[in-house]
Amino acid sequence: MTIPDALTTEAGPGLRIRTSRAVFGAGLLGGIATTSGIALTATSGWLIVRASERPPILLLLTAIVAVRAFGMARPVFRYWERLRSHDAALGDLAARRTTAYRRLIPLTPARLGRRGRADLLTGVVDDLTDVVDAQVRVTVPIISALVATVVATIVLALISPVAGLIIAAMATLIVPVLALGWWLETGSQQTLLRARAEVARVTALVSGNAGELQAIGAGDRAQSWLAAAHAELCRAARRQSHGRAAATGLLLLLTAAGTIAMAVAVLPDVGSTISTPVAALLVLTPIALGDAVSTLPDVARALARSQASAVRLRTLLGQPSAVSATGTLSAQATAGIPPDLSVRALTAAWSGSTPQVGPLDLNVPGRTRLAITGPNGCGKSTLLAVLARALDPSSGRYQLDDQDALAIELGQARRTFAVLDDEPHLFASTLRANLGLARPGSQDADVLDALDRAGLTQWFAELKNGLDTIIGEGGRGVSGGERARLGLARALLSRRPVLLLDEPVAHLDHATADAVLGDLTRSATEQSVIMVSHRRDGLAGFDRVIDLSQQTVDPH
């Protein structure tokens, strides 16, 4: 199934504006509210002029009741329309966001390239919200305006064919005005979206490294980064406002022209074929219609924004999967027992046809501690991604216990591995919750055992709140070594048979790195350990060391 198929059949995040039955119904309710507003203005004009003629009050009762009815109907139907449209949009947003997250799974990390967290958040939060907002800000207003215009044209045509033609012409001219606004908005949307993404990126960078920036005296510089990003966003927003300003001004001119045309067409016939109250009704209708469609420039902006956001989403989610999810077999390995891993003539690439690793032959028996070294760019992380089933090999074979790894159901194959990188993420939550992510439902005794095996017994003893200590952003600070050990504890708690470590001590000083690696090799006695690193010291606890740049084995 292609990405357009997948996303349009499953809530379609970002590829098109959907008009569901609920949204169409909300548009009709909005049309009734808009029509009531136009009718209220026109009927009020008729009533005021007719009342000035001081007829018997009974002749005004129908108009009085109509004014009251239209006055009450407009807010009631508008409120109903808001409920229906927002309920549909929010429900659709939840479904689309779930599908977007599901779509990201086979893309992570191979197809995300150098995108940061801010870029991903912009895609699955802001861009997706803009696309779904189009239901409320584009589809519903267009249906509402169309219903109101058709009703107004028909009613006025029954009173005066010329008046009906004027309203029809006025409605027709609204279309090119909105098209102009949309065209101007579209030209500035990409710039605005890039500026918005840059603000998100810089904000995430500064907030995530606030302590380090203050420590090196770069606080003022960080503020200047934020100020520059926000200034560019303001400039982009001002450029974008030109489209709305042009459309709004032209709509006002069109309303004035329609009103003048109606007065010129109607007033000469007052007293002969048209009464004065009816003339007031006809002349006020273009004004009421212009007021009703005055929000349509916002429709042009929302449409341009949703289309630009859809392009960004399509770029993000429309990539081919990095892994095939066609495997259906169950793993033959016994649960919890590390399988034998083997690759034969394996090559792999993140993108394109030039392999970043291989061809490579490698056997890793269960419970082996293997270190893979080599300079940057030799393919260490690429190999680890293949082993973790985050990237399909370009050629060759990859087997788990003599079973084709690609034939095993993807989720089951991935549950064989616990992956730890050089900067394990700590959520702003309790220590228990942070570690428990690795194995939901784990008992406190299991968590404490993992902390002990990771060499954090003394550190934990100093925590006043124990497992309820808040860590992560806004919580208790942790050093680089403590963060690495917490990541190791999380991996150990998962009880996955194979630990895959990607430069786990890259940012640590020499002594701390050696201590962490020592705790790792001592604690993971029942698991296979495969670590990639550019450093060759501190590897005495590993059974084998492979220099991937030379593809040689250095036995310990």
Protein backbone atom coordinates (compact mmCIF):
# COMPACT_ATOMS: atom_id res chain seq x y z
CA MET A 1 0.00 0.00 0.00
CA THR A 2 1.42 3.40 -0.91
CA ILE A 3 1.52 6.26 1.54
CA PRO A 4 -1.45 8.09 0.00
CA ASP A 5 -3.47 4.88 0.22
CA ALA A 6 -2.37 4.17 3.75
CA LEU A 7 -3.11 7.60 5.08
CA THR A 8 -6.35 8.29 3.28
CA THR A 9 -7.81 4.95 4.24
CA GLU A 10 -6.63 5.37 7.82
CA ALA A 11 -7.69 8.89 8.70
CA GLY A 12 -5.41 10.32 6.02
CA PRO A 13 -3.13 12.62 7.98
CA GLY A 14 -2.24 15.56 5.87
CA LEU A 15 -2.78 14.44 2.33
CA ARG A 16 -6.21 15.85 1.63
CA ILE A 17 -9.04 17.76 3.25
CA ARG A 18 -11.79 15.33 4.04
CA THR A 19 -15.45 16.33 4.06
CA SER A 20 -17.21 13.91 6.35
CA ARG A 21 -20.94 13.74 6.83
CA ALA A 22 -20.57 15.55 10.16
CA VAL A 23 -18.56 18.37 8.58
CA PHE A 24 -21.07 18.73 5.75
CA GLY A 25 -23.88 18.84 8.31
CA ALA A 26 -22.01 21.51 10.26
CA GLY A 27 -21.68 23.50 7.04
CA LEU A 28 -25.44 23.35 6.52
CA LEU A 29 -26.03 24.50 10.09
CA GLY A 30 -23.59 27.34 9.50
CA GLY A 31 -25.46 28.17 6.30
CA ILE A 32 -28.71 28.46 8.25
CA ALA A 33 -26.99 30.72 10.80
CA THR A 34 -25.50 32.91 8.05
CA THR A 35 -28.80 33.06 6.19
CA SER A 36 -30.54 34.04 9.43
CA GLY A 37 -28.07 36.89 9.87
CA ILE A 38 -28.70 38.19 6.35
CA ALA A 39 -32.44 37.81 6.80
CA LEU A 40 -32.26 39.60 10.15
CA THR A 41 -30.60 42.65 8.60
CA ALA A 42 -32.89 42.75 5.58
CA THR A 43 -36.09 42.16 7.57
CA SER A 44 -35.07 44.74 10.18
CA GLY A 45 -34.60 47.30 7.41
CA TRP A 46 -38.04 46.47 5.99
CA LEU A 47 -39.59 46.73 9.48
CA ILE A 48 -37.97 50.09 10.31
CA VAL A 49 -39.05 51.70 7.04
CA ARG A 50 -42.52 50.18 7.19
CA ALA A 51 -42.96 51.25 10.81
CA SER A 52 -42.08 54.81 9.85
CA GLU A 53 -45.22 54.78 7.72
CA ARG A 54 -47.22 54.15 10.95
CA PRO A 55 -49.42 51.31 9.69
CA PRO A 56 -51.69 49.33 12.05
CA ILE A 57 -49.54 47.27 14.40
CA LEU A 58 -51.14 44.03 13.19
CA LEU A 59 -49.52 44.58 9.79
CA LEU A 60 -46.10 44.56 11.45
CA LEU A 61 -46.53 41.47 13.64
CA THR A 62 -45.22 39.04 11.03
CA ALA A 63 -42.07 41.10 10.50
CA ILE A 64 -41.62 41.54 14.26
CA VAL A 65 -41.86 37.78 14.82
CA ALA A 66 -39.50 37.16 11.89
CA VAL A 67 -36.91 39.56 13.31
CA ARG A 68 -37.09 37.82 16.68
CA ALA A 69 -36.89 34.38 15.05
CA PHE A 70 -33.90 35.30 12.89
CA GLY A 71 -32.22 36.99 15.85
CA MET A 72 -32.53 33.84 17.96
CA ALA A 73 -31.80 31.40 15.14
CA ARG A 74 -28.45 32.92 14.23
CA PRO A 75 -26.63 32.27 17.55
CA VAL A 76 -28.40 28.96 18.15
CA PHE A 77 -27.46 27.49 14.78
CA ARG A 78 -23.98 29.03 14.97
CA TYR A 79 -23.40 27.36 18.33
CA TRP A 80 -24.73 24.06 16.97
CA GLU A 81 -22.45 24.38 13.95
CA ARG A 82 -19.44 25.00 16.20
CA LEU A 83 -20.22 21.91 18.27
CA ARG A 84 -20.63 19.67 15.24
CA SER A 85 -17.62 20.94 13.31
CA HIS A 86 -15.20 20.93 16.22
CA ASP A 87 -16.36 17.53 17.40
CA ALA A 88 -15.73 16.11 13.93
CA ALA A 89 -12.38 17.89 13.57
CA LEU A 90 -11.05 16.88 16.99
CA GLY A 91 -12.10 13.27 16.47
CA ASP A 92 -10.45 13.27 13.06
CA LEU A 93 -7.31 14.87 14.50
CA ALA A 94 -6.98 12.09 17.08
CA ALA A 95 -7.38 9.41 14.41
CA ARG A 96 -4.96 11.07 12.00
CA ARG A 97 -2.36 11.67 14.69
CA THR A 98 -2.52 8.02 15.74
CA THR A 99 -2.01 6.98 12.14
CA ALA A 100 0.86 9.45 11.73
CA TYR A 101 2.63 8.02 14.77
CA ARG A 102 2.04 4.51 13.45
CA ARG A 103 3.47 5.58 10.10
CA LEU A 104 6.59 6.97 11.79
CA ILE A 105 7.46 3.61 13.36
CA PRO A 106 8.88 1.96 10.20
CA LEU A 107 10.58 5.25 9.28
CA THR A 108 12.48 5.55 12.55
CA PRO A 109 15.35 6.26 12.51
CA ALA A 110 16.49 5.42 8.99
CA ARG A 111 14.14 7.70 7.05
CA LEU A 112 14.16 10.66 9.41
CA GLY A 113 17.61 11.76 8.30
CA ARG A 114 18.89 14.70 10.29
CA ARG A 115 15.49 15.90 11.43
CA GLY A 116 15.47 17.00 15.03
CA ARG A 117 12.74 16.60 17.61
CA ALA A 118 11.44 20.08 16.83
CA ASP A 119 11.00 19.21 13.14
CA LEU A 120 9.08 16.06 14.00
CA LEU A 121 6.90 17.92 16.49
CA THR A 122 6.18 20.56 13.86
CA GLY A 123 5.13 17.82 11.47
CA VAL A 124 2.93 15.68 13.67
CA VAL A 125 1.57 18.52 15.83
CA ASP A 126 1.44 21.88 14.05
CA ASP A 127 1.20 20.69 10.43
CA LEU A 128 -1.33 17.98 11.22
CA THR A 129 -3.41 20.46 13.22
CA ASP A 130 -3.38 22.91 10.30
CA VAL A 131 -4.61 20.22 7.91
CA VAL A 132 -7.45 19.14 10.20
CA ASP A 133 -8.31 22.78 10.97
CA ALA A 134 -9.17 23.14 7.30
CA GLN A 135 -12.40 21.26 7.99
CA VAL A 136 -13.48 23.97 10.43
CA ARG A 137 -11.83 26.96 8.77
CA VAL A 138 -12.29 26.09 5.08
CA THR A 139 -14.96 23.49 4.39
CA VAL A 140 -17.59 24.69 6.86
CA PRO A 141 -17.34 28.43 5.99
CA ILE A 142 -17.46 27.71 2.25
CA ILE A 143 -20.57 25.54 2.60
CA SER A 144 -22.16 28.14 4.88
CA ALA A 145 -21.44 31.01 2.49
CA LEU A 146 -22.67 28.98 -0.48
CA VAL A 147 -25.96 28.10 1.23
CA ALA A 148 -26.56 31.69 2.33
CA THR A 149 -25.71 33.09 -1.12
CA VAL A 150 -27.99 30.65 -2.94
CA VAL A 151 -30.89 31.36 -0.59
CA ALA A 152 -30.39 35.14 -0.83
CA THR A 153 -30.19 34.99 -4.63
CA ILE A 154 -33.38 32.93 -4.93
CA VAL A 155 -35.38 35.08 -2.49
CA LEU A 156 -34.31 38.35 -4.09
CA ALA A 157 -34.89 36.98 -7.59
CA LEU A 158 -38.48 36.21 -6.58
CA ILE A 159 -38.90 39.82 -5.44
CA SER A 160 -36.94 41.41 -8.29
CA PRO A 161 -35.07 39.49 -11.01
CA VAL A 162 -32.60 42.35 -11.37
CA ALA A 163 -31.84 42.23 -7.64
CA GLY A 164 -31.28 38.49 -7.90
CA LEU A 165 -28.82 39.01 -10.76
CA ILE A 166 -26.90 41.61 -8.76
CA ILE A 167 -26.53 39.25 -5.79
CA ALA A 168 -25.51 36.42 -8.13
CA ALA A 169 -22.91 38.64 -9.81
CA MET A 170 -21.62 39.78 -6.44
CA ALA A 171 -21.29 36.17 -5.29
CA THR A 172 -19.51 35.20 -8.50
CA LEU A 173 -16.95 37.99 -8.12
CA ILE A 174 -16.16 36.80 -4.60
CA VAL A 175 -14.49 33.71 -6.10
CA PRO A 176 -11.62 35.51 -7.91
CA VAL A 177 -11.11 37.75 -4.89
CA LEU A 178 -10.60 34.70 -2.69
CA ALA A 179 -8.42 33.08 -5.37
CA LEU A 180 -6.18 36.15 -5.32
CA GLY A 181 -5.96 36.02 -1.54
CA TRP A 182 -5.15 32.30 -1.67
CA TRP A 183 -2.44 32.88 -4.29
CA LEU A 184 -0.78 35.59 -2.22
CA GLU A 185 -1.03 33.49 0.94
CA THR A 186 0.41 30.42 -0.76
CA GLY A 187 3.50 32.30 -1.83
CA SER A 188 4.35 33.18 1.77
CA GLN A 189 3.28 29.98 3.51
CA GLN A 190 6.49 28.01 2.98
CA THR A 191 8.51 30.89 4.39
CA LEU A 192 6.18 31.12 7.38
CA LEU A 193 6.30 27.37 8.01
CA ARG A 194 10.09 27.34 7.85
CA ALA A 195 10.23 30.26 10.28
CA ARG A 196 7.81 28.51 12.62
CA ALA A 197 9.86 25.30 12.47
CA GLU A 198 13.03 27.28 13.19
CA VAL A 199 11.45 28.82 16.29
CA ALA A 200 10.50 25.34 17.49
CA ARG A 201 14.01 24.04 16.78
CA VAL A 202 15.81 26.86 18.56
CA THR A 203 13.39 26.75 21.49
CA ALA A 204 13.92 23.00 21.91
CA LEU A 205 17.69 23.44 21.62
CA VAL A 206 17.89 26.23 24.20
CA SER A 207 15.40 24.76 26.69
CA GLY A 208 16.95 21.30 26.45
CA ASN A 209 20.45 22.62 27.10
CA ALA A 210 19.69 25.57 29.37
CA GLY A 211 21.98 24.37 32.16
CA GLU A 212 24.94 23.78 29.87
CA LEU A 213 24.45 27.14 28.14
CA GLN A 214 24.43 28.96 31.48
CA ALA A 215 27.48 27.01 32.63
CA ILE A 216 29.59 28.21 29.68
CA GLY A 217 28.22 31.75 29.84
CA ALA A 218 26.26 31.47 26.60
CA GLY A 219 22.91 32.54 28.04
CA ASP A 220 22.93 35.91 26.26
CA ARG A 221 23.87 34.28 22.99
CA ALA A 222 21.04 31.77 23.37
CA GLN A 223 18.63 34.65 23.93
CA SER A 224 19.88 36.27 20.74
CA TRP A 225 19.20 33.00 18.86
CA LEU A 226 15.64 32.99 20.15
CA ALA A 227 15.17 36.68 19.37
CA ALA A 228 16.46 36.21 15.82
CA ALA A 229 14.18 33.23 15.22
CA HIS A 230 11.14 35.09 16.54
CA ALA A 231 12.02 38.19 14.52
CA GLU A 232 12.13 36.13 11.33
CA LEU A 233 8.78 34.57 12.26
CA CYS A 234 7.28 38.05 12.73
CA ARG A 235 8.62 39.16 9.34
CA ALA A 236 7.17 36.06 7.69
CA ALA A 237 3.81 36.66 9.39
CA ARG A 238 3.75 40.27 8.16
CA ARG A 239 4.48 39.16 4.61
CA GLN A 240 1.74 36.59 4.87
CA SER A 241 -0.77 39.22 5.99
CA HIS A 242 -0.62 40.89 2.56
CA GLY A 243 -2.89 38.24 1.06
CA ARG A 244 -5.56 38.62 3.71
CA ALA A 245 -5.36 42.40 3.56
CA ALA A 246 -5.82 42.40 -0.22
CA ALA A 247 -8.77 40.00 -0.09
CA THR A 248 -10.43 41.92 2.76
CA GLY A 249 -10.07 45.25 0.97
CA LEU A 250 -11.44 43.87 -2.30
CA LEU A 251 -14.40 42.30 -0.49
CA LEU A 252 -15.23 45.67 1.05
CA LEU A 253 -15.07 47.31 -2.38
CA LEU A 254 -17.22 44.53 -3.80
CA THR A 255 -19.78 45.00 -1.04
CA ALA A 256 -19.88 48.73 -1.69
CA ALA A 257 -20.21 48.17 -5.44
CA GLY A 258 -23.01 45.64 -4.93
CA THR A 259 -24.87 48.01 -2.62
CA ILE A 260 -24.54 50.91 -5.07
CA ALA A 261 -25.62 48.71 -7.98
CA MET A 262 -28.66 47.54 -6.01
CA ALA A 263 -29.61 51.11 -5.12
CA VAL A 264 -29.24 52.24 -8.73
CA ALA A 265 -31.36 49.34 -9.96
CA VAL A 266 -34.06 49.49 -7.30
CA LEU A 267 -34.59 53.09 -6.20
CA PRO A 268 -35.95 54.38 -9.56
CA ASP A 269 -38.82 51.88 -9.26
CA VAL A 270 -39.77 52.87 -5.71
CA GLY A 271 -43.39 53.90 -5.62
CA SER A 272 -44.26 52.13 -8.86
CA THR A 273 -43.33 48.44 -8.87
CA ILE A 274 -41.41 48.35 -5.58
CA SER A 275 -42.53 49.71 -2.22
CA THR A 276 -40.20 51.71 -0.03
CA PRO A 277 -39.85 48.98 2.68
CA VAL A 278 -39.05 46.36 0.02
CA ALA A 279 -36.48 48.72 -1.51
CA ALA A 280 -34.83 49.03 1.91
CA LEU A 281 -34.77 45.23 2.18
CA LEU A 282 -33.14 44.88 -1.24
CA VAL A 283 -30.52 47.57 -0.68
CA LEU A 284 -29.53 46.21 2.73
CA THR A 285 -29.09 42.64 1.46
CA PRO A 286 -25.70 43.23 -0.29
CA ILE A 287 -24.44 44.87 2.90
CA ALA A 288 -25.59 41.89 4.97
CA LEU A 289 -24.09 39.46 2.46
CA GLY A 290 -20.79 41.33 2.49
CA ASP A 291 -20.72 41.14 6.28
CA ALA A 292 -21.51 37.41 6.13
CA VAL A 293 -18.61 36.67 3.78
CA SER A 294 -16.15 39.04 5.46
CA THR A 295 -14.46 36.06 7.12
CA LEU A 296 -13.71 34.34 3.80
CA PRO A 297 -10.18 35.84 3.56
CA ASP A 298 -9.42 33.71 6.60
CA VAL A 299 -10.61 30.74 4.53
CA ALA A 300 -8.01 31.54 1.87
CA ARG A 301 -5.32 31.73 4.54
CA ALA A 302 -6.39 28.47 6.19
CA LEU A 303 -6.51 26.71 2.82
CA ALA A 304 -3.03 27.91 1.86
CA ARG A 305 -1.67 26.93 5.26
CA SER A 306 -3.25 23.46 5.19
CA GLN A 307 -1.92 22.80 1.69
CA ALA A 308 1.61 23.85 2.67
CA SER A 309 1.38 21.71 5.81
CA ALA A 310 0.14 18.78 3.73
CA VAL A 311 3.23 19.06 1.53
CA ARG A 312 5.48 18.93 4.60
CA LEU A 313 3.58 15.95 5.97
CA ARG A 314 3.76 14.16 2.65
CA THR A 315 7.52 14.76 2.58
CA LEU A 316 7.87 13.37 6.10
CA LEU A 317 5.44 10.46 5.98
CA GLY A 318 5.48 9.71 2.27
CA GLN A 319 8.89 8.08 2.32
CA PRO A 320 9.26 4.36 1.69
CA SER A 321 9.55 2.33 4.87
CA ALA A 322 13.05 1.59 6.07
CA VAL A 323 12.00 -1.91 7.07
CA SER A 324 9.67 -4.42 5.48
CA ALA A 325 6.81 -5.36 7.78
CA THR A 326 5.73 -8.35 5.70
CA GLY A 327 7.18 -10.99 8.03
CA THR A 328 4.58 -13.26 9.63
CA LEU A 329 6.63 -16.05 11.20
CA SER A 330 7.11 -16.50 14.93
CA ALA A 331 10.63 -16.51 16.27
CA GLN A 332 11.94 -20.01 16.90
CA ALA A 333 14.19 -18.86 19.72
CA THR A 334 13.10 -19.61 23.29
CA ALA A 335 11.77 -16.50 25.00
CA GLY A 336 14.45 -14.78 27.06
CA ILE A 337 17.30 -16.86 25.60
CA PRO A 338 19.75 -14.83 23.49
CA PRO A 339 19.63 -16.10 19.90
CA ASP A 340 22.63 -16.69 17.67
CA LEU A 341 23.00 -13.79 15.23
CA SER A 342 24.63 -14.17 11.84
CA VAL A 343 24.99 -12.03 8.73
CA ARG A 344 26.26 -13.21 5.35
CA ALA A 345 27.53 -10.90 2.61
CA LEU A 346 25.47 -8.15 4.22
CA THR A 347 25.40 -4.60 2.85
CA ALA A 348 23.17 -1.75 3.98
CA ALA A 349 22.59 1.94 3.26
CA TRP A 350 20.48 4.63 4.87
CA SER A 351 19.52 6.02 1.48
CA GLY A 352 20.59 5.58 -2.12
CA SER A 353 22.45 2.62 -3.53
CA THR A 354 25.93 3.23 -2.09
CA PRO A 355 26.32 0.89 0.91
CA GLN A 356 27.52 2.39 4.20
CA VAL A 357 28.54 -1.03 5.50
CA GLY A 358 29.63 -4.34 4.02
CA PRO A 359 29.78 -6.74 2.46
CA LEU A 360 30.17 -8.29 5.90
CA ASP A 361 30.15 -11.81 7.35
CA LEU A 362 29.63 -12.05 11.09
CA ASN A 363 28.59 -14.67 13.65
CA VAL A 364 27.53 -13.69 17.16
CA PRO A 365 26.64 -16.70 19.35
CA GLY A 366 24.20 -16.16 22.20
CA ARG A 367 25.57 -14.46 25.35
CA THR A 368 28.55 -13.09 23.42
CA ARG A 369 29.95 -9.68 24.33
CA LEU A 370 31.01 -8.09 21.04
CA ALA A 371 32.54 -4.64 20.58
CA ILE A 372 32.58 -3.12 17.09
CA THR A 373 35.04 -0.27 16.64
CA GLY A 374 36.15 1.92 13.79
CA PRO A 375 36.32 5.56 12.72
CA ASN A 376 33.26 7.67 12.02
CA GLY A 377 31.60 6.77 8.73
CA CYS A 378 32.68 3.14 8.57
CA GLY A 379 29.12 1.88 9.10
CA LYS A 380 28.98 0.97 12.79
CA SER A 381 25.59 2.58 13.47
CA THR A 382 24.28 1.32 10.13
CA LEU A 383 25.10 -2.27 11.11
CA LEU A 384 23.48 -1.77 14.51
CA ALA A 385 20.32 -0.44 12.84
CA VAL A 386 20.15 -3.55 10.64
CA LEU A 387 20.57 -5.83 13.64
CA ALA A 388 17.83 -3.94 15.54
CA ARG A 389 15.47 -4.28 12.54
CA ALA A 390 15.35 -0.52 12.11
CA LEU A 391 16.83 -0.82 8.60
CA ASP A 392 16.57 -3.54 5.97
CA PRO A 393 19.82 -4.82 4.47
CA SER A 394 20.43 -3.84 0.86
CA SER A 395 21.75 -7.31 0.12
CA GLY A 396 22.87 -10.42 1.94
CA ARG A 397 21.24 -12.39 4.73
CA TYR A 398 20.52 -11.70 8.38
CA GLN A 399 19.48 -14.62 10.58
CA LEU A 400 18.36 -15.16 14.15
CA ASP A 401 18.98 -18.80 15.18
CA ASP A 402 19.17 -19.86 11.51
CA GLN A 403 15.83 -18.14 10.81
CA ASP A 404 15.55 -15.28 8.33
CA ALA A 405 15.16 -12.17 10.51
CA LEU A 406 13.12 -10.41 7.81
CA ALA A 407 10.60 -13.26 7.78
CA ILE A 408 9.88 -12.87 11.50
CA GLU A 409 6.98 -10.59 12.44
CA LEU A 410 8.53 -7.13 12.82
CA GLY A 411 7.29 -6.40 16.34
CA GLN A 412 8.42 -9.79 17.61
CA ALA A 413 11.83 -9.43 15.99
CA ARG A 414 12.33 -5.99 17.53
CA ARG A 415 11.36 -7.27 20.98
CA THR A 416 14.54 -9.34 20.88
CA PHE A 417 16.63 -6.19 21.26
CA ALA A 418 17.08 -3.36 23.74
CA VAL A 419 18.77 -0.39 22.07
CA LEU A 420 20.76 2.18 24.04
CA ASP A 421 22.30 5.23 22.37
CA ASP A 422 24.73 7.87 23.55
CA GLU A 423 22.07 10.16 25.02
CA PRO A 424 19.21 8.19 26.61
CA HIS A 425 16.16 10.37 27.02
CA LEU A 426 14.83 11.06 30.49
CA PHE A 427 11.20 12.12 30.72
CA ALA A 428 10.05 14.73 33.21
CA SER A 429 8.58 12.10 35.51
CA THR A 430 9.49 9.83 38.40
CA LEU A 431 12.48 7.52 38.38
CA ARG A 432 10.06 4.59 38.56
CA ALA A 433 8.12 5.75 35.49
CA ASN A 434 11.29 6.44 33.49
CA LEU A 435 12.68 2.97 34.04
CA GLY A 436 9.30 1.23 33.95
CA LEU A 437 8.86 2.22 30.31
CA ALA A 438 11.19 -0.66 29.45
CA ARG A 439 8.88 -3.22 31.05
CA PRO A 440 5.43 -1.90 32.04
CA GLY A 441 4.10 -3.50 35.19
CA SER A 442 7.53 -4.30 36.60
CA GLN A 443 7.77 -4.50 40.39
CA ASP A 444 9.83 -2.09 42.47
CA ALA A 445 12.18 -4.94 43.37
CA ASP A 446 12.94 -5.44 39.68
CA VAL A 447 13.63 -1.72 39.24
CA LEU A 448 15.95 -1.67 42.25
CA ASP A 449 17.78 -4.73 40.93
CA ALA A 450 18.32 -3.01 37.56
CA LEU A 451 19.67 0.10 39.32
CA ASP A 452 22.05 -2.05 41.34
CA ARG A 453 23.30 -3.92 38.26
CA ALA A 454 23.85 -0.58 36.50
CA GLY A 455 26.07 0.64 39.36
CA LEU A 456 23.58 3.17 40.75
CA THR A 457 23.13 1.74 44.26
CA GLN A 458 24.98 4.55 46.04
CA TRP A 459 23.37 7.22 43.87
CA PHE A 460 19.91 5.83 44.60
CA ALA A 461 20.62 5.75 48.34
CA GLU A 462 21.05 9.54 48.27
CA LEU A 463 17.56 10.13 46.83
CA LYS A 464 15.16 11.27 49.55
CA ASN A 465 12.08 10.24 47.57
CA GLY A 466 13.50 7.00 46.21
CA LEU A 467 11.72 5.77 43.10
CA ASP A 468 9.31 8.70 43.34
CA THR A 469 12.10 11.20 42.68
CA ILE A 470 11.32 13.45 39.72
CA ILE A 471 14.09 13.43 37.13
CA GLY A 472 14.35 14.84 33.63
CA GLU A 473 13.49 18.42 32.70
CA GLY A 474 12.47 20.39 35.78
CA GLY A 475 13.45 17.53 38.10
CA ARG A 476 16.60 16.35 39.83
CA GLY A 477 19.62 16.92 37.65
CA VAL A 478 21.77 13.99 36.59
CA SER A 479 25.33 13.91 35.32
CA GLY A 480 26.38 12.39 32.03
CA GLY A 481 27.57 9.23 33.76
CA GLU A 482 24.33 8.93 35.74
CA ARG A 483 22.30 9.40 32.57
CA ALA A 484 24.28 6.65 30.83
CA ARG A 485 23.79 4.31 33.79
CA LEU A 486 20.07 5.06 33.92
CA GLY A 487 19.85 4.14 30.26
CA LEU A 488 21.71 0.92 31.03
CA ALA A 489 19.36 0.20 33.94
CA ARG A 490 16.39 0.69 31.65
CA ALA A 491 17.88 -1.71 29.10
CA LEU A 492 18.61 -4.32 31.78
CA LEU A 493 15.11 -3.99 33.22
CA SER A 494 13.63 -4.75 29.80
CA ARG A 495 15.12 -8.26 29.98
CA ARG A 496 15.51 -8.27 26.22
CA PRO A 497 17.86 -11.08 25.16
CA VAL A 498 20.20 -8.82 23.17
CA LEU A 499 21.56 -5.39 24.15
CA LEU A 500 22.56 -3.14 21.24
CA LEU A 501 24.63 -0.17 22.38
CA ASP A 502 25.42 2.75 20.08
CA GLU A 503 28.32 4.78 21.51
CA PRO A 504 26.89 4.55 25.06
CA VAL A 505 29.87 6.34 26.66
CA ALA A 506 30.73 8.76 23.85
CA HIS A 507 30.19 11.89 25.97
CA LEU A 508 31.80 10.66 29.18
CA ASP A 509 35.29 11.21 30.53
CA HIS A 510 37.74 8.32 30.33
CA ALA A 511 37.39 7.10 33.92
CA THR A 512 33.60 7.30 33.95
CA ALA A 513 33.37 5.58 30.57
CA ASP A 514 35.55 2.69 31.74
CA ALA A 515 33.47 2.34 34.91
CA VAL A 516 30.18 2.26 32.97
CA LEU A 517 31.53 -0.33 30.51
CA GLY A 518 32.82 -2.41 33.40
CA ASP A 519 29.39 -2.41 35.07
CA LEU A 520 27.82 -3.27 31.72
CA THR A 521 29.93 -6.35 31.07
CA ARG A 522 29.58 -7.55 34.67
CA SER A 523 25.78 -7.13 34.83
CA ALA A 524 24.67 -8.42 31.42
CA THR A 525 25.67 -12.02 32.08
CA GLU A 526 22.52 -13.59 30.65
CA GLN A 527 22.30 -11.41 27.56
CA SER A 528 24.19 -10.87 24.36
CA VAL A 529 25.88 -7.47 24.17
CA ILE A 530 26.82 -5.81 20.89
CA MET A 531 28.35 -2.37 21.28
CA VAL A 532 29.64 0.01 18.61
CA SER A 533 32.20 2.61 19.63
CA HIS A 534 35.00 4.66 18.13
CA ARG A 535 37.15 4.06 21.24
CA ARG A 536 39.28 0.92 21.64
CA ASP A 537 40.21 1.23 25.30
CA GLY A 538 38.12 -0.10 28.17
CA LEU A 539 37.03 -3.16 26.18
CA ALA A 540 38.73 -5.83 28.29
CA GLY A 541 35.40 -7.23 29.40
CA PHE A 542 34.29 -8.04 25.84
CA ASP A 543 34.78 -11.45 24.26
CA ARG A 544 35.56 -10.08 20.81
CA VAL A 545 36.46 -6.77 19.24
CA ILE A 546 35.88 -6.11 15.54
CA ASP A 547 37.49 -3.23 13.68
CA LEU A 548 34.76 -2.62 11.11
CA SER A 549 36.98 -0.47 8.91
CA GLN A 550 39.27 -3.47 8.43
CA GLN A 551 36.69 -6.16 9.20
CA THR A 552 39.18 -7.99 11.37
CA VAL A 553 38.61 -9.74 14.70
CA ASP A 554 40.75 -8.92 17.69
CA PRO A 555 40.32 -11.68 20.33
CA HIS A 556 40.67 -10.82 24.01
